[in-house]
């Protein structure tokens, strides 16, 4: 589920359902706002397309490591 501001129509956060009725809430930049980090690491995967068109599956910690340089 995505939560949007009605004006100007921008996403605010994303909520995903994990196993056992748990959930996690992420900011628009992918920061975990609410939820168990261990459960997120175990259950969430990022599907990343490389410039070559190849796809790669990353755990949240791997994704954060790769994108950390882009936020500095």
Foldseek 3Di string as FASTA:
>chain_A
DWDFDVVVTHTAWDKDAFPPRFIWIAGPVGHTPDGDPVRQQVTDWDWDQDPVRDIDIHGPVVVCVVCVVVVD
